[in-house]
Amino acid sequence: MSTKYKIEDEIPSAVLMARLNELSDAVTKGQKGIEREFYMSVPAQCDHDADLVLAAAAKRIEGLEHRVSLLEDELYT
């Protein structure tokens, strides 16, 4: 667990990807795995809490897809 990153934009993609892999593994472990990994801590840890990690990953993907779209438009026009 970490409180190293205060906002989601600071979290390196490698850290997000590693945590996403941990969360995907946890859901295969049944209720105990889910209870162990899917909770909200106080204070919140944006690089560990499942809800924050999932939201940060979604925003990162959305932002990257937008940038790719802009670059494709620039390339093909």
PDB file of N, CA and C in Angstrom:
ATOM      1  N   MET A   1       0.840  -1.187   0.000  1.00  0.00           N
ATOM      2  CA  MET A   1       0.000   0.000   0.000  1.00  0.00           C
ATOM      3  C   MET A   1       0.880   1.243   0.000  1.00  0.00           C
ATOM      4  N   SER A   2       0.317   2.304  -0.513  1.00  0.00           N
ATOM      5  CA  SER A   2       1.125   3.502  -0.666  1.00  0.00           C
ATOM      6  C   SER A   2       0.283   4.756  -0.587  1.00  0.00           C
ATOM      7  N   THR A   3       0.882   5.782  -0.084  1.00  0.00           N
ATOM      8  CA  THR A   3       0.301   7.120  -0.171  1.00  0.00           C
ATOM      9  C   THR A   3       1.288   8.017  -0.904  1.00  0.00           C
ATOM     10  N   LYS A   4       2.127   7.385  -1.717  1.00  0.00           N
ATOM     11  CA  LYS A   4       3.175   8.093  -2.445  1.00  0.00           C
ATOM     12  C   LYS A   4       2.595   9.088  -3.443  1.00  0.00           C
ATOM     13  N   TYR A   5       1.512   8.709  -4.122  1.00  0.00           N
ATOM     14  CA  TYR A   5       0.913   9.552  -5.150  1.00  0.00           C
ATOM     15  C   TYR A   5      -0.344  10.197  -4.584  1.00  0.00           C
ATOM     16  N   LYS A   6      -0.426  11.494  -4.695  1.00  0.00           N
ATOM     17  CA  LYS A   6      -1.556  12.230  -4.113  1.00  0.00           C
ATOM     18  C   LYS A   6      -2.696  12.415  -5.105  1.00  0.00           C
ATOM     19  N   ILE A   7      -2.375  12.438  -6.392  1.00  0.00           N
ATOM     20  CA  ILE A   7      -3.418  12.567  -7.415  1.00  0.00           C
ATOM     21  C   ILE A   7      -3.159  11.538  -8.499  1.00  0.00           C
ATOM     22  N   GLU A   8      -4.232  11.138  -9.169  1.00  0.00           N
ATOM     23  CA  GLU A   8      -4.130  10.062 -10.154  1.00  0.00           C
ATOM     24  C   GLU A   8      -3.184  10.380 -11.306  1.00  0.00           C
ATOM     25  N   ASP A   9      -3.044  11.648 -11.660  1.00  0.00           N
ATOM     26  CA  ASP A   9      -2.164  12.007 -12.770  1.00  0.00           C
ATOM     27  C   ASP A   9      -0.696  11.747 -12.464  1.00  0.00           C
ATOM     28  N   GLU A  10      -0.365  11.596 -11.193  1.00  0.00           N
ATOM     29  CA  GLU A  10       1.023  11.339 -10.794  1.00  0.00           C
ATOM     30  C   GLU A  10       1.381   9.855 -10.888  1.00  0.00           C
ATOM     31  N   ILE A  11       0.387   8.987 -10.965  1.00  0.00           N
ATOM     32  CA  ILE A  11       0.644   7.552 -10.924  1.00  0.00           C
ATOM     33  C   ILE A  11       1.213   7.095 -12.267  1.00  0.00           C
ATOM     34  N   PRO A  12       2.409   6.519 -12.258  1.00  0.00           N
ATOM     35  CA  PRO A  12       2.966   6.010 -13.520  1.00  0.00           C
ATOM     36  C   PRO A  12       2.086   4.896 -14.080  1.00  0.00           C
ATOM     37  N   SER A  13       2.022   4.798 -15.385  1.00  0.00           N
ATOM     38  CA  SER A  13       1.213   3.755 -16.019  1.00  0.00           C
ATOM     39  C   SER A  13       1.632   2.366 -15.561  1.00  0.00           C
ATOM     40  N   ALA A  14       2.914   2.146 -15.361  1.00  0.00           N
ATOM     41  CA  ALA A  14       3.383   0.831 -14.916  1.00  0.00           C
ATOM     42  C   ALA A  14       2.794   0.463 -13.557  1.00  0.00           C
ATOM     43  N   VAL A  15       2.648   1.444 -12.675  1.00  0.00           N
ATOM     44  CA  VAL A  15       2.061   1.201 -11.354  1.00  0.00           C
ATOM     45  C   VAL A  15       0.578   0.880 -11.503  1.00  0.00           C
ATOM     46  N   LEU A  16      -0.120   1.643 -12.355  1.00  0.00           N
ATOM     47  CA  LEU A  16      -1.539   1.369 -12.606  1.00  0.00           C
ATOM     48  C   LEU A  16      -1.720  -0.033 -13.187  1.00  0.00           C
ATOM     49  N   MET A  17      -0.902  -0.386 -14.159  1.00  0.00           N
ATOM     50  CA  MET A  17      -1.034  -1.693 -14.799  1.00  0.00           C
ATOM     51  C   MET A  17      -0.789  -2.827 -13.811  1.00  0.00           C
ATOM     52  N   ALA A  18       0.214  -2.671 -12.965  1.00  0.00           N
ATOM     53  CA  ALA A  18       0.500  -3.706 -11.966  1.00  0.00           C
ATOM     54  C   ALA A  18      -0.679  -3.882 -11.017  1.00  0.00           C
ATOM     55  N   ARG A  19      -1.259  -2.769 -10.575  1.00  0.00           N
ATOM     56  CA  ARG A  19      -2.389  -2.853  -9.654  1.00  0.00           C
ATOM     57  C   ARG A  19      -3.615  -3.428 -10.353  1.00  0.00           C
ATOM     58  N   LEU A  20      -3.851  -3.068 -11.610  1.00  0.00           N
ATOM     59  CA  LEU A  20      -4.958  -3.657 -12.357  1.00  0.00           C
ATOM     60  C   LEU A  20      -4.801  -5.170 -12.467  1.00  0.00           C
ATOM     61  N   ASN A  21      -3.590  -5.632 -12.687  1.00  0.00           N
ATOM     62  CA  ASN A  21      -3.347  -7.076 -12.732  1.00  0.00           C
ATOM     63  C   ASN A  21      -3.628  -7.728 -11.389  1.00  0.00           C
ATOM     64  N   GLU A  22      -3.250  -7.069 -10.299  1.00  0.00           N
ATOM     65  CA  GLU A  22      -3.557  -7.599  -8.964  1.00  0.00           C
ATOM     66  C   GLU A  22      -5.065  -7.678  -8.744  1.00  0.00           C
ATOM     67  N   LEU A  23      -5.773  -6.643  -9.155  1.00  0.00           N
ATOM     68  CA  LEU A  23      -7.227  -6.626  -8.981  1.00  0.00           C
ATOM     69  C   LEU A  23      -7.902  -7.688  -9.837  1.00  0.00           C
ATOM     70  N   SER A  24      -7.420  -7.875 -11.059  1.00  0.00           N
ATOM     71  CA  SER A  24      -8.016  -8.907 -11.912  1.00  0.00           C
ATOM     72  C   SER A  24      -7.756 -10.297 -11.336  1.00  0.00           C
ATOM     73  N   ASP A  25      -6.613 -10.481 -10.722  1.00  0.00           N
ATOM     74  CA  ASP A  25      -6.318 -11.754 -10.068  1.00  0.00           C
ATOM     75  C   ASP A  25      -7.214 -11.951  -8.835  1.00  0.00           C
ATOM     76  N   ALA A  26      -7.447 -10.886  -8.098  1.00  0.00           N
ATOM     77  CA  ALA A  26      -8.260 -10.973  -6.873  1.00  0.00           C
ATOM     78  C   ALA A  26      -9.680 -11.430  -7.166  1.00  0.00           C
ATOM     79  N   VAL A  27     -10.247 -10.990  -8.273  1.00  0.00           N
ATOM     80  CA  VAL A  27     -11.630 -11.376  -8.560  1.00  0.00           C
ATOM     81  C   VAL A  27     -11.753 -12.854  -8.899  1.00  0.00           C
ATOM     82  N   THR A  28     -10.652 -13.492  -9.236  1.00  0.00           N
ATOM     83  CA  THR A  28     -10.697 -14.933  -9.506  1.00  0.00           C
ATOM     84  C   THR A  28     -10.580 -15.757  -8.233  1.00  0.00           C
ATOM     85  N   LYS A  29     -10.318 -15.097  -7.127  1.00  0.00           N
ATOM     86  CA  LYS A  29     -10.119 -15.790  -5.850  1.00  0.00           C
ATOM     87  C   LYS A  29     -11.392 -15.869  -5.009  1.00  0.00           C
ATOM     88  N   GLY A  30     -12.509 -15.478  -5.595  1.00  0.00           N
ATOM     89  CA  GLY A  30     -13.768 -15.557  -4.881  1.00  0.00           C
ATOM     90  C   GLY A  30     -13.957 -14.405  -3.913  1.00  0.00           C
ATOM     91  N   GLN A  31     -14.908 -14.575  -3.024  1.00  0.00           N
ATOM     92  CA  GLN A  31     -15.293 -13.508  -2.104  1.00  0.00           C
ATOM     93  C   GLN A  31     -14.135 -13.040  -1.226  1.00  0.00           C
ATOM     94  N   LYS A  32     -13.301 -13.962  -0.765  1.00  0.00           N
ATOM     95  CA  LYS A  32     -12.172 -13.563   0.095  1.00  0.00           C
ATOM     96  C   LYS A  32     -11.189 -12.669  -0.652  1.00  0.00           C
ATOM     97  N   GLY A  33     -10.921 -12.996  -1.904  1.00  0.00           N
ATOM     98  CA  GLY A  33     -10.029 -12.171  -2.715  1.00  0.00           C
ATOM     99  C   GLY A  33     -10.613 -10.796  -2.950  1.00  0.00           C
ATOM    100  N   ILE A  34     -11.898 -10.765  -3.215  1.00  0.00           N
ATOM    101  CA  ILE A  34     -12.572  -9.487  -3.445  1.00  0.00           C
ATOM    102  C   ILE A  34     -12.563  -8.654  -2.174  1.00  0.00           C
ATOM    103  N   GLU A  35     -12.908  -9.255  -1.054  1.00  0.00           N
ATOM    104  CA  GLU A  35     -12.915  -8.522   0.216  1.00  0.00           C
ATOM    105  C   GLU A  35     -11.525  -8.009   0.587  1.00  0.00           C
ATOM    106  N   ARG A  36     -10.506  -8.791   0.244  1.00  0.00           N
ATOM    107  CA  ARG A  36      -9.135  -8.410   0.578  1.00  0.00           C
ATOM    108  C   ARG A  36      -8.665  -7.198  -0.243  1.00  0.00           C
ATOM    109  N   GLU A  37      -9.092  -7.111  -1.492  1.00  0.00           N
ATOM    110  CA  GLU A  37      -8.562  -6.085  -2.385  1.00  0.00           C
ATOM    111  C   GLU A  37      -9.517  -4.942  -2.710  1.00  0.00           C
ATOM    112  N   PHE A  38     -10.817  -5.174  -2.605  1.00  0.00           N
ATOM    113  CA  PHE A  38     -11.782  -4.160  -2.995  1.00  0.00           C
ATOM    114  C   PHE A  38     -12.396  -3.510  -1.760  1.00  0.00           C
ATOM    115  N   TYR A  39     -11.670  -2.570  -1.210  1.00  0.00           N
ATOM    116  CA  TYR A  39     -12.132  -1.805  -0.060  1.00  0.00           C
ATOM    117  C   TYR A  39     -11.632  -0.379  -0.222  1.00  0.00           C
ATOM    118  N   MET A  40     -12.198   0.502   0.550  1.00  0.00           N
ATOM    119  CA  MET A  40     -11.779   1.905   0.499  1.00  0.00           C
ATOM    120  C   MET A  40     -11.010   2.210   1.778  1.00  0.00           C
ATOM    121  N   SER A  41      -9.782   2.651   1.630  1.00  0.00           N
ATOM    122  CA  SER A  41      -8.965   2.944   2.799  1.00  0.00           C
ATOM    123  C   SER A  41      -9.067   4.423   3.168  1.00  0.00           C
ATOM    124  N   VAL A  42      -8.761   4.681   4.419  1.00  0.00           N
ATOM    125  CA  VAL A  42      -8.731   6.053   4.926  1.00  0.00           C
ATOM    126  C   VAL A  42      -7.361   6.250   5.560  1.00  0.00           C
ATOM    127  N   PRO A  43      -6.564   7.163   5.045  1.00  0.00           N
ATOM    128  CA  PRO A  43      -6.837   8.039   3.912  1.00  0.00           C
ATOM    129  C   PRO A  43      -6.798   7.251   2.599  1.00  0.00           C
ATOM    130  N   ALA A  44      -7.467   7.783   1.605  1.00  0.00           N
ATOM    131  CA  ALA A  44      -7.528   7.125   0.302  1.00  0.00           C
ATOM    132  C   ALA A  44      -6.136   7.019  -0.314  1.00  0.00           C
ATOM    133  N   GLN A  45      -5.910   5.914  -1.009  1.00  0.00           N
ATOM    134  CA  GLN A  45      -4.639   5.669  -1.686  1.00  0.00           C
ATOM    135  C   GLN A  45      -4.925   5.496  -3.173  1.00  0.00           C
ATOM    136  N   CYS A  46      -4.656   6.540  -3.931  1.00  0.00           N
ATOM    137  CA  CYS A  46      -5.061   6.537  -5.336  1.00  0.00           C
ATOM    138  C   CYS A  46      -4.302   5.519  -6.180  1.00  0.00           C
ATOM    139  N   ASP A  47      -3.232   4.947  -5.660  1.00  0.00           N
ATOM    140  CA  ASP A  47      -2.508   3.911  -6.401  1.00  0.00           C
ATOM    141  C   ASP A  47      -2.805   2.517  -5.866  1.00  0.00           C
ATOM    142  N   HIS A  48      -3.752   2.407  -4.900  1.00  0.00           N
ATOM    143  CA  HIS A  48      -4.067   1.104  -4.328  1.00  0.00           C
ATOM    144  C   HIS A  48      -5.567   0.811  -4.261  1.00  0.00           C
ATOM    145  N   ASP A  49      -6.368   1.768  -3.827  1.00  0.00           N
ATOM    146  CA  ASP A  49      -7.807   1.533  -3.679  1.00  0.00           C
ATOM    147  C   ASP A  49      -8.408   1.200  -5.043  1.00  0.00           C
ATOM    148  N   ALA A  50      -9.116   0.088  -5.101  1.00  0.00           N
ATOM    149  CA  ALA A  50      -9.619  -0.426  -6.377  1.00  0.00           C
ATOM    150  C   ALA A  50     -10.446   0.594  -7.139  1.00  0.00           C
ATOM    151  N   ASP A  51     -11.350   1.285  -6.447  1.00  0.00           N
ATOM    152  CA  ASP A  51     -12.205   2.244  -7.146  1.00  0.00           C
ATOM    153  C   ASP A  51     -11.397   3.366  -7.770  1.00  0.00           C
ATOM    154  N   LEU A  52     -10.380   3.836  -7.072  1.00  0.00           N
ATOM    155  CA  LEU A  52      -9.553   4.930  -7.582  1.00  0.00           C
ATOM    156  C   LEU A  52      -8.633   4.465  -8.704  1.00  0.00           C
ATOM    157  N   VAL A  53      -8.104   3.262  -8.568  1.00  0.00           N
ATOM    158  CA  VAL A  53      -7.229   2.713  -9.611  1.00  0.00           C
ATOM    159  C   VAL A  53      -8.020   2.483 -10.901  1.00  0.00           C
ATOM    160  N   LEU A  54      -9.210   1.910 -10.775  1.00  0.00           N
ATOM    161  CA  LEU A  54     -10.036   1.665 -11.961  1.00  0.00           C
ATOM    162  C   LEU A  54     -10.428   2.974 -12.637  1.00  0.00           C
ATOM    163  N   ALA A  55     -10.805   3.964 -11.843  1.00  0.00           N
ATOM    164  CA  ALA A  55     -11.174   5.269 -12.409  1.00  0.00           C
ATOM    165  C   ALA A  55      -9.975   5.935 -13.082  1.00  0.00           C
ATOM    166  N   ALA A  56      -8.809   5.868 -12.434  1.00  0.00           N
ATOM    167  CA  ALA A  56      -7.604   6.473 -13.011  1.00  0.00           C
ATOM    168  C   ALA A  56      -7.227   5.790 -14.316  1.00  0.00           C
ATOM    169  N   ALA A  57      -7.335   4.463 -14.357  1.00  0.00           N
ATOM    170  CA  ALA A  57      -7.010   3.732 -15.585  1.00  0.00           C
ATOM    171  C   ALA A  57      -7.973   4.099 -16.702  1.00  0.00           C
ATOM    172  N   ALA A  58      -9.254   4.214 -16.383  1.00  0.00           N
ATOM    173  CA  ALA A  58     -10.242   4.587 -17.393  1.00  0.00           C
ATOM    174  C   ALA A  58      -9.958   5.981 -17.941  1.00  0.00           C
ATOM    175  N   LYS A  59      -9.653   6.916 -17.056  1.00  0.00           N
ATOM    176  CA  LYS A  59      -9.339   8.276 -17.498  1.00  0.00           C
ATOM    177  C   LYS A  59      -8.066   8.295 -18.337  1.00  0.00           C
ATOM    178  N   ARG A  60      -7.075   7.499 -17.943  1.00  0.00           N
ATOM    179  CA  ARG A  60      -5.817   7.432 -18.699  1.00  0.00           C
ATOM    180  C   ARG A  60      -6.071   6.897 -20.102  1.00  0.00           C
ATOM    181  N   ILE A  61      -6.857   5.826 -20.209  1.00  0.00           N
ATOM    182  CA  ILE A  61      -7.174   5.255 -21.516  1.00  0.00           C
ATOM    183  C   ILE A  61      -7.938   6.260 -22.366  1.00  0.00           C
ATOM    184  N   GLU A  62      -8.923   6.913 -21.761  1.00  0.00           N
ATOM    185  CA  GLU A  62      -9.704   7.908 -22.490  1.00  0.00           C
ATOM    186  C   GLU A  62      -8.814   9.032 -23.015  1.00  0.00           C
ATOM    187  N   GLY A  63      -7.912   9.518 -22.183  1.00  0.00           N
ATOM    188  CA  GLY A  63      -7.008  10.584 -22.593  1.00  0.00           C
ATOM    189  C   GLY A  63      -6.066  10.148 -23.708  1.00  0.00           C
ATOM    190  N   LEU A  64      -5.550   8.936 -23.590  1.00  0.00           N
ATOM    191  CA  LEU A  64      -4.639   8.429 -24.619  1.00  0.00           C
ATOM    192  C   LEU A  64      -5.366   8.211 -25.938  1.00  0.00           C
ATOM    193  N   GLU A  65      -6.584   7.686 -25.880  1.00  0.00           N
ATOM    194  CA  GLU A  65      -7.348   7.496 -27.115  1.00  0.00           C
ATOM    195  C   GLU A  65      -7.666   8.832 -27.782  1.00  0.00           C
ATOM    196  N   HIS A  66      -7.938   9.840 -26.975  1.00  0.00           N
ATOM    197  CA  HIS A  66      -8.187  11.168 -27.528  1.00  0.00           C
ATOM    198  C   HIS A  66      -6.935  11.699 -28.226  1.00  0.00           C
ATOM    199  N   ARG A  67      -5.776  11.523 -27.569  1.00  0.00           N
ATOM    200  CA  ARG A  67      -4.525  11.982 -28.181  1.00  0.00           C
ATOM    201  C   ARG A  67      -4.227  11.236 -29.474  1.00  0.00           C
ATOM    202  N   VAL A  68      -4.483   9.931 -29.500  1.00  0.00           N
ATOM    203  CA  VAL A  68      -4.270   9.143 -30.714  1.00  0.00           C
ATOM    204  C   VAL A  68      -5.190   9.651 -31.824  1.00  0.00           C
ATOM    205  N   SER A  69      -6.438   9.925 -31.477  1.00  0.00           N
ATOM    206  CA  SER A  69      -7.393  10.436 -32.459  1.00  0.00           C
ATOM    207  C   SER A  69      -6.917  11.763 -33.052  1.00  0.00           C
ATOM    208  N   LEU A  70      -6.437  12.650 -32.200  1.00  0.00           N
ATOM    209  CA  LEU A  70      -5.929  13.934 -32.688  1.00  0.00           C
ATOM    210  C   LEU A  70      -4.726  13.742 -33.601  1.00  0.00           C
ATOM    211  N   LEU A  71      -3.832  12.850 -33.224  1.00  0.00           N
ATOM    212  CA  LEU A  71      -2.650  12.594 -34.052  1.00  0.00           C
ATOM    213  C   LEU A  71      -3.030  11.953 -35.377  1.00  0.00           C
ATOM    214  N   GLU A  72      -4.008  11.061 -35.362  1.00  0.00           N
ATOM    215  CA  GLU A  72      -4.471  10.450 -36.606  1.00  0.00           C
ATOM    216  C   GLU A  72      -5.112  11.507 -37.514  1.00  0.00           C
ATOM    217  N   ASP A  73      -5.894  12.392 -36.937  1.00  0.00           N
ATOM    218  CA  ASP A  73      -6.492  13.469 -37.726  1.00  0.00           C
ATOM    219  C   ASP A  73      -5.418  14.339 -38.354  1.00  0.00           C
ATOM    220  N   GLU A  74      -4.393  14.632 -37.574  1.00  0.00           N
ATOM    221  CA  GLU A  74      -3.292  15.464 -38.067  1.00  0.00           C
ATOM    222  C   GLU A  74      -2.521  14.752 -39.163  1.00  0.00           C
ATOM    223  N   LEU A  75      -2.343  13.459 -38.993  1.00  0.00           N
ATOM    224  CA  LEU A  75      -1.587  12.675 -39.954  1.00  0.00           C
ATOM    225  C   LEU A  75      -2.311  12.509 -41.287  1.00  0.00           C
ATOM    226  N   TYR A  76      -3.627  12.324 -41.213  1.00  0.00           N
ATOM    227  CA  TYR A  76      -4.394  12.015 -42.416  1.00  0.00           C
ATOM    228  C   TYR A  76      -5.081  13.214 -43.045  1.00  0.00           C
ATOM    229  N   THR A  77      -4.839  14.421 -42.540  1.00  0.00           N
ATOM    230  CA  THR A  77      -5.450  15.596 -43.160  1.00  0.00           C
ATOM    231  C   THR A  77      -4.395  16.517 -43.722  1.00  0.00           C
TER     232      THR A  77
END
